[in-house]
Amino acid sequence: MNIFLFINIIISALNIFILSYAYSLKFFPSKWRKKVAQDTIVGLAIIFVTMLNMFLWIGYFYIKIFWT
């Protein structure tokens, strides 16, 4: 159970990192942003990592509440 909690915390930290990176994208020069063109990839990463994060926390609390 402690390992599952540790995994949830790591995924949450990754999610916070991706969100802060997405927020900081507007501070990069527009020439570089057009060259790299990663806005779509970052948006998809936010969606899927947040979904994974949500399901992991729901699973953790379900196991914590109903199985222990």
Protein backbone atom coordinates (compact mmCIF):
# COMPACT_ATOMS: atom_id res chain seq x y z
CA MET A 1 0.00 0.00 0.00
CA ASN A 2 2.92 2.34 0.71
CA ILE A 3 4.36 1.68 -2.73
CA PHE A 4 1.01 2.51 -4.34
CA LEU A 5 0.91 5.78 -2.38
CA PHE A 6 4.46 6.56 -3.50
CA ILE A 7 3.51 5.93 -7.15
CA ASN A 8 0.49 8.23 -6.75
CA ILE A 9 2.67 10.98 -5.34
CA ILE A 10 5.18 10.63 -8.20
CA ILE A 11 2.43 10.81 -10.84
CA SER A 12 0.99 13.86 -9.06
CA ALA A 13 4.41 15.54 -9.11
CA LEU A 14 4.72 14.75 -12.82
CA ASN A 15 1.30 16.26 -13.38
CA ILE A 16 2.28 19.45 -11.53
CA PHE A 17 5.48 19.64 -13.59
CA ILE A 18 3.57 19.31 -16.87
CA LEU A 19 1.06 21.95 -15.78
CA SER A 20 3.82 24.39 -14.81
CA TYR A 21 5.60 23.71 -18.11
CA ALA A 22 2.40 24.38 -20.04
CA TYR A 23 1.93 27.63 -18.13
CA SER A 24 5.50 28.70 -18.89
CA LEU A 25 5.18 28.03 -22.64
CA LYS A 26 3.87 31.54 -23.21
CA PHE A 27 7.15 32.98 -21.91
CA PHE A 28 9.20 31.30 -24.67
CA PRO A 29 9.75 33.23 -27.90
CA SER A 30 7.04 32.66 -30.50
CA LYS A 31 9.68 31.81 -33.11
CA TRP A 32 10.88 28.90 -31.00
CA ARG A 33 7.32 27.74 -30.23
CA LYS A 34 6.46 27.65 -33.94
CA LYS A 35 9.68 25.76 -34.70
CA VAL A 36 9.09 23.12 -32.02
CA ALA A 37 5.25 23.02 -32.33
CA GLN A 38 4.60 21.09 -29.15
CA ASP A 39 1.48 22.85 -27.88
CA THR A 40 -0.75 19.97 -28.98
CA ILE A 41 1.53 17.36 -27.42
CA VAL A 42 1.62 19.24 -24.12
CA GLY A 43 -2.17 19.55 -24.14
CA LEU A 44 -2.61 15.84 -24.74
CA ALA A 45 -0.06 15.05 -22.03
CA ILE A 46 -2.00 17.20 -19.58
CA ILE A 47 -5.24 15.40 -20.40
CA PHE A 48 -3.89 11.86 -20.17
CA VAL A 49 -1.58 12.32 -17.18
CA THR A 50 -4.37 14.06 -15.27
CA MET A 51 -6.75 11.20 -16.11
CA LEU A 52 -4.17 8.64 -14.99
CA ASN A 53 -3.58 10.64 -11.83
CA MET A 54 -7.30 10.80 -11.07
CA PHE A 55 -7.83 7.06 -11.59
CA LEU A 56 -4.83 6.17 -9.45
CA TRP A 57 -6.01 8.35 -6.56
CA ILE A 58 -9.55 7.00 -6.83
CA GLY A 59 -8.16 3.46 -6.78
CA TYR A 60 -5.93 4.25 -3.81
CA PHE A 61 -8.74 5.70 -1.72
CA TYR A 62 -11.12 2.90 -2.75
CA ILE A 63 -8.63 0.30 -1.56
CA LYS A 64 -7.83 2.32 1.56
CA ILE A 65 -11.47 2.79 2.56
CA PHE A 66 -13.07 -0.53 1.58
CA TRP A 67 -10.29 -3.13 1.79
CA THR A 68 -8.49 -2.18 4.99
